[in-house]
C-alpha atoms as a PDB file:
ATOM      1  CA  MET A   1      14.457  -6.548  12.886  1.00  0.00           C
ATOM      2  CA  ASN A   2      12.886  -3.744  15.291  1.00  0.00           C
ATOM      3  CA  CYS A   3       9.625  -3.519  13.310  1.00  0.00           C
ATOM      4  CA  SER A   4       6.119  -2.312  13.386  1.00  0.00           C
ATOM      5  CA  CYS A   5       2.802  -3.834  11.414  1.00  0.00           C
ATOM      6  CA  GLN A   6      -0.363  -1.480  11.606  1.00  0.00           C
ATOM      7  CA  THR A   7      -3.179  -2.450   8.931  1.00  0.00           C
ATOM      8  CA  GLY A   8      -5.048   0.007   6.844  1.00  0.00           C
ATOM      9  CA  ILE A   9      -3.866   3.507   5.695  1.00  0.00           C
ATOM     10  CA  THR A  10      -7.528   5.661   5.850  1.00  0.00           C
ATOM     11  CA  GLY A  11      -7.771   6.982   8.426  1.00  0.00           C
ATOM     12  CA  SER A  12      -5.871  10.596   9.557  1.00  0.00           C
ATOM     13  CA  GLY A  13      -4.534   8.906  12.517  1.00  0.00           C
ATOM     14  CA  ARG A  14      -3.223   6.072  11.273  1.00  0.00           C
ATOM     15  CA  LYS A  15      -1.881   8.066   8.674  1.00  0.00           C
ATOM     16  CA  ARG A  16       0.211  10.346  11.408  1.00  0.00           C
ATOM     17  CA  ASN A  17       1.056   6.944  13.768  1.00  0.00           C
ATOM     18  CA  LEU A  18       2.860   5.363   9.973  1.00  0.00           C
ATOM     19  CA  ASN A  19       5.166   8.314   9.412  1.00  0.00           C
ATOM     20  CA  LEU A  20       5.979   9.226  13.099  1.00  0.00           C
ATOM     21  CA  SER A  21       7.475   6.006  13.602  1.00  0.00           C
ATOM     22  CA  ALA A  22      11.288   5.981  14.254  1.00  0.00           C
ATOM     23  CA  ARG A  23      10.683   1.698  13.750  1.00  0.00           C
ATOM     24  CA  GLN A  24      10.593   0.465  10.219  1.00  0.00           C
ATOM     25  CA  VAL A  25       6.773   0.040   9.664  1.00  0.00           C
ATOM     26  CA  LEU A  26       4.537  -3.159   7.559  1.00  0.00           C
ATOM     27  CA  ALA A  27       1.736  -1.521   6.234  1.00  0.00           C
ATOM     28  CA  TYR A  28      -0.704  -4.395   5.110  1.00  0.00           C
ATOM     29  CA  LYS A  29      -4.335  -4.045   3.824  1.00  0.00           C
ATOM     30  CA  VAL A  30      -4.001  -1.489   1.594  1.00  0.00           C
ATOM     31  CA  LEU A  31      -6.303  -2.364  -0.380  1.00  0.00           C
ATOM     32  CA  ALA A  32      -9.040  -2.820   2.419  1.00  0.00           C
ATOM     33  CA  ALA A  33      -9.795  -7.142   2.166  1.00  0.00           C
ATOM     34  CA  GLY A  34     -10.456  -6.010  -1.453  1.00  0.00           C
ATOM     35  CA  ARG A  35     -12.684  -3.630  -1.054  1.00  0.00           C
ATOM     36  CA  ARG A  36     -10.533  -1.192  -3.557  1.00  0.00           C
ATOM     37  CA  VAL A  37     -10.015  -2.783  -6.644  1.00  0.00           C
ATOM     38  CA  SER A  38     -13.362  -2.448  -8.213  1.00  0.00           C
ATOM     39  CA  THR A  39     -11.006  -0.856 -10.482  1.00  0.00           C
ATOM     40  CA  PRO A  40      -8.008  -0.453 -11.820  1.00  0.00           C
ATOM     41  CA  LEU A  41      -8.296   3.492 -11.337  1.00  0.00           C
ATOM     42  CA  GLU A  42      -9.095   2.540  -7.739  1.00  0.00           C
ATOM     43  CA  ILE A  43      -5.950   0.291  -7.042  1.00  0.00           C
ATOM     44  CA  ARG A  44      -3.981   3.135  -7.797  1.00  0.00           C
ATOM     45  CA  GLY A  45      -5.149   5.148  -5.992  1.00  0.00           C
ATOM     46  CA  SER A  46      -4.859   2.831  -3.006  1.00  0.00           C
ATOM     47  CA  PHE A  47      -1.226   2.516  -3.704  1.00  0.00           C
ATOM     48  CA  GLU A  48      -1.336   6.018  -4.005  1.00  0.00           C
ATOM     49  CA  THR A  49      -2.378   6.410  -0.514  1.00  0.00           C
ATOM     50  CA  ALA A  50       0.057   4.022   1.237  1.00  0.00           C
ATOM     51  CA  PHE A  51       3.949   5.537  -0.591  1.00  0.00           C
ATOM     52  CA  SER A  52       2.659   8.859   0.414  1.00  0.00           C
ATOM     53  CA  ASN A  53       1.495   7.895   3.705  1.00  0.00           C
ATOM     54  CA  ILE A  54       4.847   5.459   4.369  1.00  0.00           C
ATOM     55  CA  LYS A  55       8.487   6.401   4.424  1.00  0.00           C
ATOM     56  CA  PRO A  56      10.560   4.898   2.116  1.00  0.00           C
ATOM     57  CA  THR A  57      12.329   2.281   4.446  1.00  0.00           C
ATOM     58  CA  ASP A  58       8.663   1.355   5.210  1.00  0.00           C
ATOM     59  CA  ALA A  59       7.042  -1.657   3.073  1.00  0.00           C
ATOM     60  CA  VAL A  60       3.891  -2.847   1.950  1.00  0.00           C
ATOM     61  CA  ILE A  61       2.009  -6.502   2.004  1.00  0.00           C
ATOM     62  CA  VAL A  62      -0.627  -6.687  -0.605  1.00  0.00           C
ATOM     63  CA  GLY A  63      -3.048  -9.510  -1.340  1.00  0.00           C
ATOM     64  CA  MET A  64      -3.557 -10.605  -4.174  1.00  0.00           C
ATOM     65  CA  TYR A  65      -5.854 -13.556  -5.702  1.00  0.00           C
ATOM     66  CA  GLN A  66      -4.682 -14.655  -9.236  1.00  0.00           C
ATOM     67  CA  GLN A  67      -7.830 -17.461  -9.887  1.00  0.00           C
ATOM     68  CA  LEU A  68     -10.187 -13.972 -11.179  1.00  0.00           C
ATOM     69  CA  ASN A  69      -6.308 -12.338 -13.133  1.00  0.00           C
ATOM     70  CA  ASP A  70      -3.449 -11.233 -13.157  1.00  0.00           C
ATOM     71  CA  GLN A  71      -3.645  -8.958 -10.288  1.00  0.00           C
ATOM     72  CA  LEU A  72       0.330  -9.707  -9.679  1.00  0.00           C
ATOM     73  CA  GLY A  73       1.182  -8.293 -12.891  1.00  0.00           C
ATOM     74  CA  GLN A  74      -1.338  -5.556 -12.934  1.00  0.00           C
ATOM     75  CA  ASN A  75       0.022  -4.315  -9.562  1.00  0.00           C
ATOM     76  CA  CYS A  76       3.443  -4.479  -9.805  1.00  0.00           C
ATOM     77  CA  SER A  77       2.732  -2.248 -13.379  1.00  0.00           C
ATOM     78  CA  ILE A  78       1.246  -0.926 -11.205  1.00  0.00           C
ATOM     79  CA  VAL A  79       3.528  -0.223  -8.249  1.00  0.00           C
ATOM     80  CA  ARG A  80       6.065   0.403 -10.611  1.00  0.00           C
ATOM     81  CA  ASP A  81       4.170   3.633 -12.763  1.00  0.00           C
ATOM     82  CA  VAL A  82       3.254   5.411  -8.546  1.00  0.00           C
ATOM     83  CA  CYS A  83       7.466   4.673  -7.506  1.00  0.00           C
ATOM     84  CA  SER A  84       8.611   5.996 -10.532  1.00  0.00           C
ATOM     85  CA  ARG A  85       5.923   9.697 -10.117  1.00  0.00           C
ATOM     86  CA  LYS A  86       7.175   9.915  -6.970  1.00  0.00           C
ATOM     87  CA  GLY A  87      10.921  10.927  -7.888  1.00  0.00           C
END
């Protein structure tokens, strides 16, 4: 597999790198290591930013902590909704 890993998609330079890379990219830390999870709206915004700045062949890696709530279910629901709106 020929891929590249990039962290955080908040900086405009990183956004350009992710979109312009000819290789498949694995974007990680899209929720900023828990700093962008205060509200469901903030989580949704982070996923929207991530998916709008990667190519269709790229992927995201998301860390989750199931002890406090169902983050897996919540994130899956948000991602399904965000992806269905993209078209």
